[in-house]
Amino acid sequence: MRRLLHRVNFRWVAVAAAAIAFLTVPAACAAEPLDDLIALTSKQVSGFVEQFSDVKCIEQVRQEKLGKDDKVELKEDSTYDYLVILTNTGGELSLDESRLAVRQAKADKKNTSMLVSNGFATLFLVFHPYYAGSFQFTALGDEEVDGHRLSKVAFQHVRGTRSVAALALRGKEYPLELSGIAWIDPQSGAIAKITAGVENTMEDVGLKTLRSEVRYAPVPFRDTKDVYWFPAQATVEVETPRQHWRNTHSFTDYKKFSVSTEEQVANK
């Protein structure tokens, strides 16, 4: 069985370092009323993983340090060339983000702690066949969003099963009870929006709340009739007992690319 490993990381500079890792989960086992929709979404996500690794885009990141009444105390803007690399070594699949700085924010003279976040654009992996078995899904009816009728599906990690996400802090890993809502196109299984997070469960290790929202948008390409919904914007908000940050990632200018390699034996 192939193992899909994906890592979502965040850390706050000059305070601590942390990483959220998506771990292997058994095959999907959705609740009975949602079998068809979950199966369709899982199939769509499985195909999308490969499509996502065949494109690159521009990622713009705004980091904000929030104070009292959520007032922005400091903000920094950066731009990156962004792509996700899918590899299959020894039958083990892995997804890794790659960022090349186009314009990076200057370091704050006061060395103010800022949140560094990545990986949240791929929260759709909650519905991947390797992951869905660790979640309980609940239908929340339909909702019209931007002229599209979408099915709302709530997900909640099943306690006692392998956690989809783990917080790695100071050399230790803490499973996250991730929960949220996905807005899904019932015809294609494409995810248009997904929210996820944890609330008031990990204050003993310094994490008060973690909230994220990812919006996807259809991106057509000339060489294919299929239209996939790629990440358009991801917002990540983290609170500790003393700090509050919000990062916004915007993804634009998607382009397909291909990479080929050739090995040669040098003549001696």
C-alpha atoms as a PDB file:
ATOM      1  CA  MET A   1       0.000   0.000   0.000  1.00  0.00           C
ATOM      2  CA  ARG A   2       1.405   3.403  -0.926  1.00  0.00           C
ATOM      3  CA  ARG A   3       1.866   5.889   1.859  1.00  0.00           C
ATOM      4  CA  LEU A   4       0.967   9.514   1.335  1.00  0.00           C
ATOM      5  CA  LEU A   5       2.841  11.914   3.572  1.00  0.00           C
ATOM      6  CA  HIS A   6       2.123  15.607   3.599  1.00  0.00           C
ATOM      7  CA  ARG A   7       3.404  18.237   5.963  1.00  0.00           C
ATOM      8  CA  VAL A   8       1.748  21.472   6.991  1.00  0.00           C
ATOM      9  CA  ASN A   9       4.017  23.735   9.001  1.00  0.00           C
ATOM     10  CA  PHE A  10       3.779  26.871  11.035  1.00  0.00           C
ATOM     11  CA  ARG A  11       6.221  28.531  13.378  1.00  0.00           C
ATOM     12  CA  TRP A  12       6.493  31.839  15.139  1.00  0.00           C
ATOM     13  CA  VAL A  13       9.903  33.472  14.889  1.00  0.00           C
ATOM     14  CA  ALA A  14      11.798  34.371  18.089  1.00  0.00           C
ATOM     15  CA  VAL A  15       9.203  32.570  20.222  1.00  0.00           C
ATOM     16  CA  ALA A  16       8.990  28.875  19.338  1.00  0.00           C
ATOM     17  CA  ALA A  17       8.949  26.466  16.406  1.00  0.00           C
ATOM     18  CA  ALA A  18       6.130  24.134  15.432  1.00  0.00           C
ATOM     19  CA  ALA A  19       5.048  21.882  12.593  1.00  0.00           C
ATOM     20  CA  ILE A  20       1.733  20.299  11.709  1.00  0.00           C
ATOM     21  CA  ALA A  21       2.121  17.024   9.858  1.00  0.00           C
ATOM     22  CA  PHE A  22      -0.567  15.210   7.914  1.00  0.00           C
ATOM     23  CA  LEU A  23      -0.043  11.515   8.584  1.00  0.00           C
ATOM     24  CA  THR A  24      -1.184   8.307   6.925  1.00  0.00           C
ATOM     25  CA  VAL A  25      -4.820   7.312   7.449  1.00  0.00           C
ATOM     26  CA  PRO A  26      -6.638   4.125   6.311  1.00  0.00           C
ATOM     27  CA  ALA A  27      -9.011   4.058   3.350  1.00  0.00           C
ATOM     28  CA  ALA A  28     -12.162   6.193   3.456  1.00  0.00           C
ATOM     29  CA  CYS A  29     -15.212   5.006   5.328  1.00  0.00           C
ATOM     30  CA  ALA A  30     -17.814   7.757   5.115  1.00  0.00           C
ATOM     31  CA  ALA A  31     -21.179   7.851   6.824  1.00  0.00           C
ATOM     32  CA  GLU A  32     -23.884   6.018   4.878  1.00  0.00           C
ATOM     33  CA  PRO A  33     -25.922   9.048   3.626  1.00  0.00           C
ATOM     34  CA  LEU A  34     -22.764  10.645   2.277  1.00  0.00           C
ATOM     35  CA  ASP A  35     -21.227   7.643   0.535  1.00  0.00           C
ATOM     36  CA  ASP A  36     -21.788   8.917  -3.009  1.00  0.00           C
ATOM     37  CA  LEU A  37     -20.598  12.468  -2.366  1.00  0.00           C
ATOM     38  CA  ILE A  38     -17.563  11.410  -0.326  1.00  0.00           C
ATOM     39  CA  ALA A  39     -16.598   8.813  -2.947  1.00  0.00           C
ATOM     40  CA  LEU A  40     -16.927  11.402  -5.725  1.00  0.00           C
ATOM     41  CA  THR A  41     -14.889  13.944  -3.763  1.00  0.00           C
ATOM     42  CA  SER A  42     -12.199  11.391  -2.913  1.00  0.00           C
ATOM     43  CA  LYS A  43     -11.887  10.453  -6.576  1.00  0.00           C
ATOM     44  CA  GLN A  44     -11.637  14.097  -7.566  1.00  0.00           C
ATOM     45  CA  VAL A  45      -9.009  14.807  -4.902  1.00  0.00           C
ATOM     46  CA  SER A  46      -6.946  11.769  -5.926  1.00  0.00           C
ATOM     47  CA  GLY A  47      -6.779  13.048  -9.495  1.00  0.00           C
ATOM     48  CA  PHE A  48      -6.205  16.611  -8.403  1.00  0.00           C
ATOM     49  CA  VAL A  49      -3.105  15.703  -6.362  1.00  0.00           C
ATOM     50  CA  GLU A  50      -1.278  14.789  -9.559  1.00  0.00           C
ATOM     51  CA  GLN A  51      -2.586  17.864 -11.404  1.00  0.00           C
ATOM     52  CA  PHE A  52      -1.480  20.118  -8.568  1.00  0.00           C
ATOM     53  CA  SER A  53       2.092  18.834  -8.841  1.00  0.00           C
ATOM     54  CA  ASP A  54       2.159  19.717 -12.568  1.00  0.00           C
ATOM     55  CA  VAL A  55       1.644  23.446 -12.101  1.00  0.00           C
ATOM     56  CA  LYS A  56       3.448  26.404 -10.625  1.00  0.00           C
ATOM     57  CA  CYS A  57       2.073  29.763  -9.547  1.00  0.00           C
ATOM     58  CA  ILE A  58       2.813  33.022  -7.780  1.00  0.00           C
ATOM     59  CA  GLU A  59       2.177  33.069  -4.037  1.00  0.00           C
ATOM     60  CA  GLN A  60       1.809  36.371  -2.208  1.00  0.00           C
ATOM     61  CA  VAL A  61       1.945  36.177   1.583  1.00  0.00           C
ATOM     62  CA  ARG A  62       0.839  38.856   4.025  1.00  0.00           C
ATOM     63  CA  GLN A  63       1.897  38.257   7.637  1.00  0.00           C
ATOM     64  CA  GLU A  64       0.082  40.249  10.312  1.00  0.00           C
ATOM     65  CA  LYS A  65       0.735  40.590  14.027  1.00  0.00           C
ATOM     66  CA  LEU A  66      -2.549  41.443  15.768  1.00  0.00           C
ATOM     67  CA  GLY A  67      -3.031  43.289  19.007  1.00  0.00           C
ATOM     68  CA  LYS A  68      -5.964  44.373  21.125  1.00  0.00           C
ATOM     69  CA  ASP A  69      -9.340  44.197  19.332  1.00  0.00           C
ATOM     70  CA  ASP A  70      -7.551  42.452  16.435  1.00  0.00           C
ATOM     71  CA  LYS A  71      -5.845  45.693  15.448  1.00  0.00           C
ATOM     72  CA  VAL A  72      -2.915  45.130  13.063  1.00  0.00           C
ATOM     73  CA  GLU A  73       0.294  46.071  14.866  1.00  0.00           C
ATOM     74  CA  LEU A  74       2.706  44.965  12.142  1.00  0.00           C
ATOM     75  CA  LYS A  75       2.396  43.555   8.622  1.00  0.00           C
ATOM     76  CA  GLU A  76       4.921  42.151   6.174  1.00  0.00           C
ATOM     77  CA  ASP A  77       4.452  41.203   2.505  1.00  0.00           C
ATOM     78  CA  SER A  78       6.428  38.639   0.511  1.00  0.00           C
ATOM     79  CA  THR A  79       6.153  37.054  -2.951  1.00  0.00           C
ATOM     80  CA  TYR A  80       7.272  33.576  -4.008  1.00  0.00           C
ATOM     81  CA  ASP A  81       7.377  31.251  -6.988  1.00  0.00           C
ATOM     82  CA  TYR A  82       5.349  28.342  -5.617  1.00  0.00           C
ATOM     83  CA  LEU A  83       4.943  24.712  -6.564  1.00  0.00           C
ATOM     84  CA  VAL A  84       4.076  21.401  -4.933  1.00  0.00           C
ATOM     85  CA  ILE A  85       6.382  18.479  -5.656  1.00  0.00           C
ATOM     86  CA  LEU A  86       4.901  14.979  -5.819  1.00  0.00           C
ATOM     87  CA  THR A  87       7.409  12.140  -5.591  1.00  0.00           C
ATOM     88  CA  ASN A  88       7.101   8.361  -5.463  1.00  0.00           C
ATOM     89  CA  THR A  89      10.213   6.741  -4.050  1.00  0.00           C
ATOM     90  CA  GLY A  90      10.065   3.051  -3.228  1.00  0.00           C
ATOM     91  CA  GLY A  91       6.288   3.058  -3.499  1.00  0.00           C
ATOM     92  CA  GLU A  92       5.944   5.927  -0.999  1.00  0.00           C
ATOM     93  CA  LEU A  93       4.219   9.091  -2.188  1.00  0.00           C
ATOM     94  CA  SER A  94       5.121  12.445  -0.693  1.00  0.00           C
ATOM     95  CA  LEU A  95       3.946  16.030  -1.221  1.00  0.00           C
ATOM     96  CA  ASP A  96       6.367  18.857  -0.507  1.00  0.00           C
ATOM     97  CA  GLU A  97       5.980  22.579  -1.055  1.00  0.00           C
ATOM     98  CA  SER A  98       8.740  24.544  -2.770  1.00  0.00           C
ATOM     99  CA  ARG A  99       9.082  28.320  -2.477  1.00  0.00           C
ATOM    100  CA  LEU A 100      11.590  30.552  -4.248  1.00  0.00           C
ATOM    101  CA  ALA A 101      11.593  34.103  -2.949  1.00  0.00           C
ATOM    102  CA  VAL A 102      10.803  36.779  -5.529  1.00  0.00           C
ATOM    103  CA  ARG A 103      10.433  39.516  -2.932  1.00  0.00           C
ATOM    104  CA  GLN A 104      10.893  38.805   0.752  1.00  0.00           C
ATOM    105  CA  ALA A 105       9.880  41.020   3.656  1.00  0.00           C
ATOM    106  CA  LYS A 106      12.702  42.776   5.477  1.00  0.00           C
ATOM    107  CA  ALA A 107      13.390  41.674   9.004  1.00  0.00           C
ATOM    108  CA  ASP A 108      11.710  43.833  11.630  1.00  0.00           C
ATOM    109  CA  LYS A 109      14.265  45.924  13.537  1.00  0.00           C
ATOM    110  CA  LYS A 110      12.534  45.143  16.831  1.00  0.00           C
ATOM    111  CA  ASN A 111      12.662  41.407  16.049  1.00  0.00           C
ATOM    112  CA  THR A 112       8.884  41.142  16.512  1.00  0.00           C
ATOM    113  CA  SER A 113       7.672  37.561  16.408  1.00  0.00           C
ATOM    114  CA  MET A 114       5.767  36.730  13.188  1.00  0.00           C
ATOM    115  CA  LEU A 115       3.939  33.599  12.129  1.00  0.00           C
ATOM    116  CA  VAL A 116       5.450  31.627   9.245  1.00  0.00           C
ATOM    117  CA  SER A 117       2.844  29.313   7.738  1.00  0.00           C
ATOM    118  CA  ASN A 118       2.755  26.929   4.783  1.00  0.00           C
ATOM    119  CA  GLY A 119       0.893  23.873   3.571  1.00  0.00           C
ATOM    120  CA  PHE A 120      -2.620  24.993   4.421  1.00  0.00           C
ATOM    121  CA  ALA A 121      -3.624  25.369   0.756  1.00  0.00           C
ATOM    122  CA  THR A 122      -3.735  21.564   0.565  1.00  0.00           C
ATOM    123  CA  LEU A 123      -6.369  20.971   3.257  1.00  0.00           C
ATOM    124  CA  PHE A 124      -8.381  19.200   0.542  1.00  0.00           C
ATOM    125  CA  LEU A 125      -6.312  16.123   1.494  1.00  0.00           C
ATOM    126  CA  VAL A 126      -8.805  15.545   4.328  1.00  0.00           C
ATOM    127  CA  PHE A 127     -10.944  13.888   1.620  1.00  0.00           C
ATOM    128  CA  HIS A 128      -8.139  11.841   0.082  1.00  0.00           C
ATOM    129  CA  PRO A 129      -8.812   8.061   0.319  1.00  0.00           C
ATOM    130  CA  TYR A 130      -5.813   7.612   2.639  1.00  0.00           C
ATOM    131  CA  TYR A 131      -7.127  10.242   5.043  1.00  0.00           C
ATOM    132  CA  ALA A 132     -10.927  10.171   5.079  1.00  0.00           C
ATOM    133  CA  GLY A 133     -11.198   7.058   7.244  1.00  0.00           C
ATOM    134  CA  SER A 134     -10.201   9.039  10.329  1.00  0.00           C
ATOM    135  CA  PHE A 135     -13.094  11.476  10.015  1.00  0.00           C
ATOM    136  CA  GLN A 136     -16.799  11.459  10.705  1.00  0.00           C
ATOM    137  CA  PHE A 137     -18.689  13.326   7.987  1.00  0.00           C
ATOM    138  CA  THR A 138     -22.050  15.049   8.428  1.00  0.00           C
ATOM    139  CA  ALA A 139     -24.271  16.576   5.742  1.00  0.00           C
ATOM    140  CA  LEU A 140     -25.260  20.179   6.475  1.00  0.00           C
ATOM    141  CA  GLY A 141     -27.472  20.766   3.448  1.00  0.00           C
ATOM    142  CA  ASP A 142     -26.822  22.997   0.444  1.00  0.00           C
ATOM    143  CA  GLU A 143     -25.752  26.619   0.200  1.00  0.00           C
ATOM    144  CA  GLU A 144     -25.398  28.976  -2.749  1.00  0.00           C
ATOM    145  CA  VAL A 145     -21.935  30.521  -2.944  1.00  0.00           C
ATOM    146  CA  ASP A 146     -21.030  32.948  -5.762  1.00  0.00           C
ATOM    147  CA  GLY A 147     -23.867  31.587  -7.894  1.00  0.00           C
ATOM    148  CA  HIS A 148     -22.952  27.917  -7.356  1.00  0.00           C
ATOM    149  CA  ARG A 149     -25.087  25.445  -5.389  1.00  0.00           C
ATOM    150  CA  LEU A 150     -22.682  23.669  -3.080  1.00  0.00           C
ATOM    151  CA  SER A 151     -23.097  20.847  -0.579  1.00  0.00           C
ATOM    152  CA  LYS A 152     -21.837  21.604   2.922  1.00  0.00           C
ATOM    153  CA  VAL A 153     -20.108  18.700   4.653  1.00  0.00           C
ATOM    154  CA  ALA A 154     -18.806  18.893   8.217  1.00  0.00           C
ATOM    155  CA  PHE A 155     -15.860  16.738   9.239  1.00  0.00           C
ATOM    156  CA  GLN A 156     -14.607  15.803  12.696  1.00  0.00           C
ATOM    157  CA  HIS A 157     -11.608  13.700  13.565  1.00  0.00           C
ATOM    158  CA  VAL A 158     -12.577  10.429  15.221  1.00  0.00           C
ATOM    159  CA  ARG A 159     -10.935  10.268  18.624  1.00  0.00           C
ATOM    160  CA  GLY A 160      -8.758   7.209  19.072  1.00  0.00           C
ATOM    161  CA  THR A 161      -7.884   6.867  15.391  1.00  0.00           C
ATOM    162  CA  ARG A 162      -4.633   8.009  13.847  1.00  0.00           C
ATOM    163  CA  SER A 163      -4.716  11.775  13.706  1.00  0.00           C
ATOM    164  CA  VAL A 164      -4.567  13.490  10.330  1.00  0.00           C
ATOM    165  CA  ALA A 165      -2.550  16.331  11.838  1.00  0.00           C
ATOM    166  CA  ALA A 166       0.042  16.526  14.590  1.00  0.00           C
ATOM    167  CA  LEU A 167       1.684  19.526  16.194  1.00  0.00           C
ATOM    168  CA  ALA A 168       5.441  19.066  16.529  1.00  0.00           C
ATOM    169  CA  LEU A 169       6.714  21.373  19.240  1.00  0.00           C
ATOM    170  CA  ARG A 170      10.103  21.285  20.955  1.00  0.00           C
ATOM    171  CA  GLY A 171      10.815  17.760  19.730  1.00  0.00           C
ATOM    172  CA  LYS A 172       7.409  16.295  20.660  1.00  0.00           C
ATOM    173  CA  GLU A 173       4.306  15.524  18.571  1.00  0.00           C
ATOM    174  CA  TYR A 174       0.773  16.311  19.751  1.00  0.00           C
ATOM    175  CA  PRO A 175      -2.200  14.907  17.752  1.00  0.00           C
ATOM    176  CA  LEU A 176      -4.716  17.545  16.633  1.00  0.00           C
ATOM    177  CA  GLU A 177      -8.464  16.988  16.794  1.00  0.00           C
ATOM    178  CA  LEU A 178      -9.050  18.703  13.465  1.00  0.00           C
ATOM    179  CA  SER A 179     -12.613  19.664  12.521  1.00  0.00           C
ATOM    180  CA  GLY A 180     -14.205  21.902   9.927  1.00  0.00           C
ATOM    181  CA  ILE A 181     -16.586  22.326   6.992  1.00  0.00           C
ATOM    182  CA  ALA A 182     -16.117  21.813   3.256  1.00  0.00           C
ATOM    183  CA  TRP A 183     -18.265  23.334   0.495  1.00  0.00           C
ATOM    184  CA  ILE A 184     -18.359  20.808  -2.366  1.00  0.00           C
ATOM    185  CA  ASP A 185     -19.731  20.917  -5.908  1.00  0.00           C
ATOM    186  CA  PRO A 186     -22.141  17.933  -5.865  1.00  0.00           C
ATOM    187  CA  GLN A 187     -21.756  17.360  -9.614  1.00  0.00           C
ATOM    188  CA  SER A 188     -17.959  17.160  -9.836  1.00  0.00           C
ATOM    189  CA  GLY A 189     -16.818  16.600  -6.259  1.00  0.00           C
ATOM    190  CA  ALA A 190     -14.597  19.697  -6.459  1.00  0.00           C
ATOM    191  CA  ILE A 191     -14.011  21.520  -3.187  1.00  0.00           C
ATOM    192  CA  ALA A 192     -14.752  25.245  -3.451  1.00  0.00           C
ATOM    193  CA  LYS A 193     -13.980  26.187   0.158  1.00  0.00           C
ATOM    194  CA  ILE A 194     -12.808  24.454   3.306  1.00  0.00           C
ATOM    195  CA  THR A 195     -12.392  25.613   6.882  1.00  0.00           C
ATOM    196  CA  ALA A 196     -10.539  23.687   9.573  1.00  0.00           C
ATOM    197  CA  GLY A 197      -8.937  24.151  12.943  1.00  0.00           C
ATOM    198  CA  VAL A 198      -8.735  23.301  16.607  1.00  0.00           C
ATOM    199  CA  GLU A 199     -10.306  25.234  19.462  1.00  0.00           C
ATOM    200  CA  ASN A 200      -9.259  25.430  23.116  1.00  0.00           C
ATOM    201  CA  THR A 201      -7.729  21.960  23.236  1.00  0.00           C
ATOM    202  CA  MET A 202      -3.978  22.555  23.401  1.00  0.00           C
ATOM    203  CA  GLU A 203      -3.429  25.532  25.694  1.00  0.00           C
ATOM    204  CA  ASP A 204      -1.219  23.354  27.869  1.00  0.00           C
ATOM    205  CA  VAL A 205       1.395  23.376  25.067  1.00  0.00           C
ATOM    206  CA  GLY A 206       0.938  27.037  24.198  1.00  0.00           C
ATOM    207  CA  LEU A 207      -1.619  26.787  21.359  1.00  0.00           C
ATOM    208  CA  LYS A 208      -4.928  28.461  22.160  1.00  0.00           C
ATOM    209  CA  THR A 209      -6.641  28.320  18.757  1.00  0.00           C
ATOM    210  CA  LEU A 210      -5.757  27.475  15.169  1.00  0.00           C
ATOM    211  CA  ARG A 211      -8.185  28.444  12.421  1.00  0.00           C
ATOM    212  CA  SER A 212      -7.774  28.251   8.656  1.00  0.00           C
ATOM    213  CA  GLU A 213      -9.901  28.912   5.589  1.00  0.00           C
ATOM    214  CA  VAL A 214      -8.989  27.997   2.027  1.00  0.00           C
ATOM    215  CA  ARG A 215     -10.888  29.141  -1.053  1.00  0.00           C
ATOM    216  CA  TYR A 216     -10.453  27.398  -4.406  1.00  0.00           C
ATOM    217  CA  ALA A 217     -11.247  28.658  -7.900  1.00  0.00           C
ATOM    218  CA  PRO A 218     -11.549  26.882 -11.284  1.00  0.00           C
ATOM    219  CA  VAL A 219      -8.435  27.150 -13.448  1.00  0.00           C
ATOM    220  CA  PRO A 220      -8.757  26.007 -17.099  1.00  0.00           C
ATOM    221  CA  PHE A 221      -5.784  24.940 -19.222  1.00  0.00           C
ATOM    222  CA  ARG A 222      -5.619  24.825 -23.011  1.00  0.00           C
ATOM    223  CA  ASP A 223      -4.372  21.246 -23.272  1.00  0.00           C
ATOM    224  CA  THR A 224      -7.174  19.626 -21.241  1.00  0.00           C
ATOM    225  CA  LYS A 225     -10.959  19.706 -21.113  1.00  0.00           C
ATOM    226  CA  ASP A 226     -10.993  19.109 -17.373  1.00  0.00           C
ATOM    227  CA  VAL A 227     -11.224  22.122 -15.097  1.00  0.00           C
ATOM    228  CA  TYR A 228      -9.738  21.740 -11.627  1.00  0.00           C
ATOM    229  CA  TRP A 229     -10.287  24.027  -8.661  1.00  0.00           C
ATOM    230  CA  PHE A 230      -6.905  25.279  -7.454  1.00  0.00           C
ATOM    231  CA  PRO A 231      -6.165  27.194  -4.233  1.00  0.00           C
ATOM    232  CA  ALA A 232      -6.907  30.905  -4.633  1.00  0.00           C
ATOM    233  CA  GLN A 233      -6.526  32.117  -1.061  1.00  0.00           C
ATOM    234  CA  ALA A 234      -5.615  30.558   2.285  1.00  0.00           C
ATOM    235  CA  THR A 235      -6.013  32.374   5.593  1.00  0.00           C
ATOM    236  CA  VAL A 236      -4.359  31.051   8.750  1.00  0.00           C
ATOM    237  CA  GLU A 237      -4.969  32.493  12.212  1.00  0.00           C
ATOM    238  CA  VAL A 238      -3.125  31.343  15.316  1.00  0.00           C
ATOM    239  CA  GLU A 239      -3.496  32.452  18.926  1.00  0.00           C
ATOM    240  CA  THR A 240      -1.409  31.648  21.954  1.00  0.00           C
ATOM    241  CA  PRO A 241      -2.138  33.012  25.435  1.00  0.00           C
ATOM    242  CA  ARG A 242       0.032  36.059  24.623  1.00  0.00           C
ATOM    243  CA  GLN A 243       0.243  36.317  20.832  1.00  0.00           C
ATOM    244  CA  HIS A 244      -2.142  36.578  17.886  1.00  0.00           C
ATOM    245  CA  TRP A 245      -1.212  36.298  14.211  1.00  0.00           C
ATOM    246  CA  ARG A 246      -2.987  36.130  10.853  1.00  0.00           C
ATOM    247  CA  ASN A 247      -1.380  35.133   7.566  1.00  0.00           C
ATOM    248  CA  THR A 248      -3.048  35.416   4.150  1.00  0.00           C
ATOM    249  CA  HIS A 249      -1.696  33.442   1.181  1.00  0.00           C
ATOM    250  CA  SER A 250      -2.907  34.413  -2.318  1.00  0.00           C
ATOM    251  CA  PHE A 251      -2.205  32.127  -5.305  1.00  0.00           C
ATOM    252  CA  THR A 252      -2.323  33.496  -8.870  1.00  0.00           C
ATOM    253  CA  ASP A 253      -0.917  33.028 -12.379  1.00  0.00           C
ATOM    254  CA  TYR A 254      -1.101  29.225 -12.543  1.00  0.00           C
ATOM    255  CA  LYS A 255       0.958  27.687 -15.346  1.00  0.00           C
ATOM    256  CA  LYS A 256       1.663  24.105 -16.334  1.00  0.00           C
ATOM    257  CA  PHE A 257       5.222  22.913 -16.520  1.00  0.00           C
ATOM    258  CA  SER A 258       7.069  19.652 -17.092  1.00  0.00           C
ATOM    259  CA  VAL A 259      10.388  18.400 -15.813  1.00  0.00           C
ATOM    260  CA  SER A 260      12.497  15.732 -17.496  1.00  0.00           C
ATOM    261  CA  THR A 261      15.771  14.211 -16.329  1.00  0.00           C
ATOM    262  CA  GLU A 262      18.440  12.277 -18.152  1.00  0.00           C
ATOM    263  CA  GLU A 263      21.243  10.198 -16.687  1.00  0.00           C
ATOM    264  CA  GLN A 264      24.500   9.657 -18.558  1.00  0.00           C
ATOM    265  CA  VAL A 265      27.597   7.635 -17.766  1.00  0.00           C
ATOM    266  CA  ALA A 266      30.763   9.658 -18.302  1.00  0.00           C
ATOM    267  CA  ASN A 267      33.385   8.103 -20.591  1.00  0.00           C
ATOM    268  CA  LYS A 268      36.699   7.548 -18.866  1.00  0.00           C
END
